[in-house]
Amino acid sequence: MEELKFEQLMVKLRKHQEEKLVLDGDVAESLSVHDALLEELANLRTEAYQLKATHRDKKESCRVLQFQCRESEQESARQLQLNRQSEETLEQYRCQIQELKLKHRKLRMKFENQLNQLIEQHKNLLTIFTPERLPSEIESAQNSKCQLLATEILKVAQLNILEEEV
């Protein structure tokens, strides 16, 4: 009976040893999984830290870009305002140029009219004072001059008489 108990104990012992070996394998496997998980956790923490740093950098870049964008928009608005002012000034200059052109045109037309009148007067004078008629016109002018002088002498004499009477 003791042998039977011994035998049973031995069987149990072997069974426990086998179970211990299986458990040792499981523990070793669990430890290796644990170590792998710890390593993966460390890698994930490193990656998370790097991602946070990248996120911070990207956030800062985003802020800088937003600031630059606002500055660009303000500069663009300022340039548009300057362009509008320049266009208005240019339009004013165009109007002034147009007014000057019209004024010069009117002056030119007035001058042309005066020139045409002078040309017509010159033509009329040419027809009146032709070389053939010039001697008779000179004689007529001299006769008129003599008559006017005689009239003037007569009037002066009449004035003298009137003065003496007064």
Protein backbone atom coordinates (compact mmCIF):
# COMPACT_ATOMS: atom_id res chain seq x y z
CA MET A 1 0.00 0.00 0.00
CA GLU A 2 2.80 2.20 0.67
CA GLU A 3 4.18 1.37 -2.66
CA LEU A 4 0.95 2.24 -4.23
CA LYS A 5 0.92 5.51 -2.41
CA PHE A 6 4.49 6.05 -3.37
CA GLU A 7 3.64 5.23 -6.95
CA GLN A 8 0.71 7.58 -6.89
CA LEU A 9 2.82 10.25 -5.33
CA MET A 10 5.42 9.71 -8.02
CA VAL A 11 2.81 9.95 -10.71
CA LYS A 12 1.49 13.08 -9.09
CA LEU A 13 5.01 14.40 -8.78
CA ARG A 14 5.72 13.74 -12.45
CA LYS A 15 2.41 15.26 -13.35
CA HIS A 16 3.21 18.32 -11.25
CA GLN A 17 6.69 18.49 -12.77
CA GLU A 18 5.19 18.34 -16.24
CA GLU A 19 2.67 20.98 -15.27
CA LYS A 20 5.52 22.99 -13.75
CA LEU A 21 7.42 22.71 -17.02
CA VAL A 22 4.33 23.78 -18.93
CA LEU A 23 3.78 26.61 -16.45
CA ASP A 24 7.47 27.58 -16.66
CA GLY A 25 7.09 27.68 -20.45
CA ASP A 26 3.94 29.72 -20.09
CA VAL A 27 5.68 32.04 -17.61
CA ALA A 28 8.69 32.36 -19.94
CA GLU A 29 6.36 33.02 -22.86
CA SER A 30 4.37 35.52 -20.73
CA LEU A 31 7.64 37.17 -19.71
CA SER A 32 8.78 37.44 -23.29
CA VAL A 33 5.34 38.79 -24.27
CA HIS A 34 5.58 41.15 -21.27
CA ASP A 35 9.04 42.31 -22.37
CA ALA A 36 7.83 42.71 -25.95
CA LEU A 37 4.81 44.67 -24.71
CA LEU A 38 7.06 46.84 -22.51
CA GLU A 39 9.31 47.49 -25.50
CA GLU A 40 6.29 48.26 -27.69
CA LEU A 41 4.96 50.57 -24.94
CA ALA A 42 8.31 52.38 -24.83
CA ASN A 43 8.26 52.66 -28.64
CA LEU A 44 4.69 53.93 -28.53
CA ARG A 45 5.59 56.49 -25.85
CA THR A 46 8.58 57.64 -27.93
CA GLU A 47 6.37 57.85 -31.00
CA ALA A 48 3.70 59.74 -29.00
CA TYR A 49 6.36 62.17 -27.75
CA GLN A 50 7.62 62.66 -31.31
CA LEU A 51 4.05 63.12 -32.57
CA LYS A 52 3.40 65.69 -29.83
CA ALA A 53 6.57 67.53 -30.82
CA THR A 54 5.56 67.36 -34.48
CA HIS A 55 2.07 68.56 -33.54
CA ARG A 56 3.55 71.50 -31.61
CA ASP A 57 5.80 72.35 -34.56
CA LYS A 58 2.89 72.09 -36.99
CA LYS A 59 0.73 74.22 -34.69
CA GLU A 60 3.45 76.87 -34.54
CA SER A 61 3.88 76.70 -38.32
CA CYS A 62 0.12 77.05 -38.69
CA ARG A 63 0.13 80.15 -36.45
CA VAL A 64 3.01 81.65 -38.42
CA LEU A 65 1.25 80.90 -41.71
CA GLN A 66 -2.01 82.39 -40.42
CA PHE A 67 -0.13 85.52 -39.36
CA GLN A 68 1.57 85.72 -42.75
CA CYS A 69 -1.77 85.14 -44.45
CA ARG A 70 -3.36 88.01 -42.48
CA GLU A 71 -0.40 90.25 -43.34
CA SER A 72 -0.67 89.25 -47.00
CA GLU A 73 -4.40 89.99 -46.98
CA GLN A 74 -3.78 93.38 -45.38
CA GLU A 75 -1.03 94.14 -47.91
CA SER A 76 -3.30 93.00 -50.71
CA ALA A 77 -6.11 95.25 -49.43
CA ARG A 78 -3.66 98.15 -49.18
CA GLN A 79 -2.43 97.51 -52.72
CA LEU A 80 -6.03 97.37 -53.97
CA GLN A 81 -6.74 100.69 -52.26
CA LEU A 82 -3.63 102.21 -53.84
CA ASN A 83 -4.67 100.82 -57.21
CA ARG A 84 -8.14 102.34 -56.84
CA GLN A 85 -6.63 105.69 -55.89
CA SER A 86 -4.23 105.49 -58.82
CA GLU A 87 -7.08 104.64 -61.18
CA GLU A 88 -9.12 107.56 -59.85
CA THR A 89 -6.15 109.90 -60.27
CA LEU A 90 -5.53 108.51 -63.74
CA GLU A 91 -9.21 109.07 -64.62
CA GLN A 92 -8.97 112.65 -63.36
CA TYR A 93 -5.90 113.20 -65.52
CA ARG A 94 -7.70 111.70 -68.51
CA CYS A 95 -10.61 114.07 -67.94
CA GLN A 96 -8.25 117.03 -67.65
CA ILE A 97 -6.46 115.97 -70.83
CA GLN A 98 -9.81 115.61 -72.58
CA GLU A 99 -10.85 119.08 -71.37
CA LEU A 100 -7.55 120.54 -72.59
CA LYS A 101 -7.97 118.84 -75.94
CA LEU A 102 -11.47 120.29 -76.28
CA LYS A 103 -10.23 123.74 -75.23
CA HIS A 104 -7.38 123.56 -77.75
CA ARG A 105 -9.78 122.36 -80.38
CA LYS A 106 -12.10 125.30 -79.71
CA LEU A 107 -9.14 127.68 -79.79
CA ARG A 108 -7.89 126.12 -83.02
CA MET A 109 -11.35 126.39 -84.57
CA LYS A 110 -11.61 130.03 -83.45
CA PHE A 111 -8.17 130.70 -84.90
CA GLU A 112 -9.11 128.96 -88.14
CA ASN A 113 -12.28 131.06 -88.36
CA GLN A 114 -10.29 134.26 -87.76
CA LEU A 115 -7.72 133.15 -90.31
CA ASN A 116 -10.46 132.41 -92.83
CA GLN A 117 -11.96 135.86 -92.17
CA LEU A 118 -8.56 137.47 -92.67
CA ILE A 119 -8.04 135.51 -95.87
CA GLU A 120 -11.46 136.66 -97.10
CA GLN A 121 -10.67 140.27 -96.16
CA HIS A 122 -7.32 139.97 -97.92
CA LYS A 123 -9.06 138.58 -101.01
CA ASN A 124 -11.56 141.46 -100.89
CA LEU A 125 -8.73 143.98 -100.52
CA LEU A 126 -6.88 142.35 -103.39
CA THR A 127 -9.91 142.70 -105.62
CA ILE A 128 -10.32 146.35 -104.61
CA PHE A 129 -6.64 147.28 -104.71
CA THR A 130 -5.46 145.67 -107.90
CA PRO A 131 -2.35 147.10 -109.53
CA GLU A 132 -4.54 148.56 -112.28
CA ARG A 133 -6.80 150.37 -109.83
CA LEU A 134 -4.04 151.47 -107.46
CA PRO A 135 -3.28 154.84 -109.17
CA SER A 136 -6.96 155.80 -109.19
CA GLU A 137 -7.38 154.71 -105.56
CA ILE A 138 -4.32 156.77 -104.55
CA GLU A 139 -5.72 159.79 -106.41
CA SER A 140 -9.11 159.28 -104.75
CA ALA A 141 -7.45 159.00 -101.33
CA GLN A 142 -5.48 162.22 -101.99
CA ASN A 143 -8.67 164.03 -103.07
CA SER A 144 -10.42 162.84 -99.91
CA LYS A 145 -7.44 164.02 -97.87
CA CYS A 146 -7.49 167.46 -99.53
CA GLN A 147 -11.23 167.78 -98.96
CA LEU A 148 -10.85 166.76 -95.33
CA LEU A 149 -8.02 169.29 -94.86
CA ALA A 150 -10.09 172.05 -96.44
CA THR A 151 -13.04 171.14 -94.25
CA GLU A 152 -10.77 171.12 -91.21
CA ILE A 153 -9.37 174.59 -92.07
CA LEU A 154 -12.90 175.87 -92.54
CA LYS A 155 -13.99 174.42 -89.21
CA VAL A 156 -10.94 175.84 -87.42
CA ALA A 157 -11.69 179.26 -88.88
CA GLN A 158 -15.31 178.99 -87.76
CA LEU A 159 -14.13 178.01 -84.30
CA ASN A 160 -11.79 181.00 -84.15
CA ILE A 161 -14.63 183.30 -85.18
CA LEU A 162 -16.86 181.81 -82.51
CA GLU A 163 -14.15 182.21 -79.92
CA GLU A 164 -13.68 185.83 -80.81
CA GLU A 165 -17.40 186.41 -80.55
CA VAL A 166 -17.55 184.77 -77.17
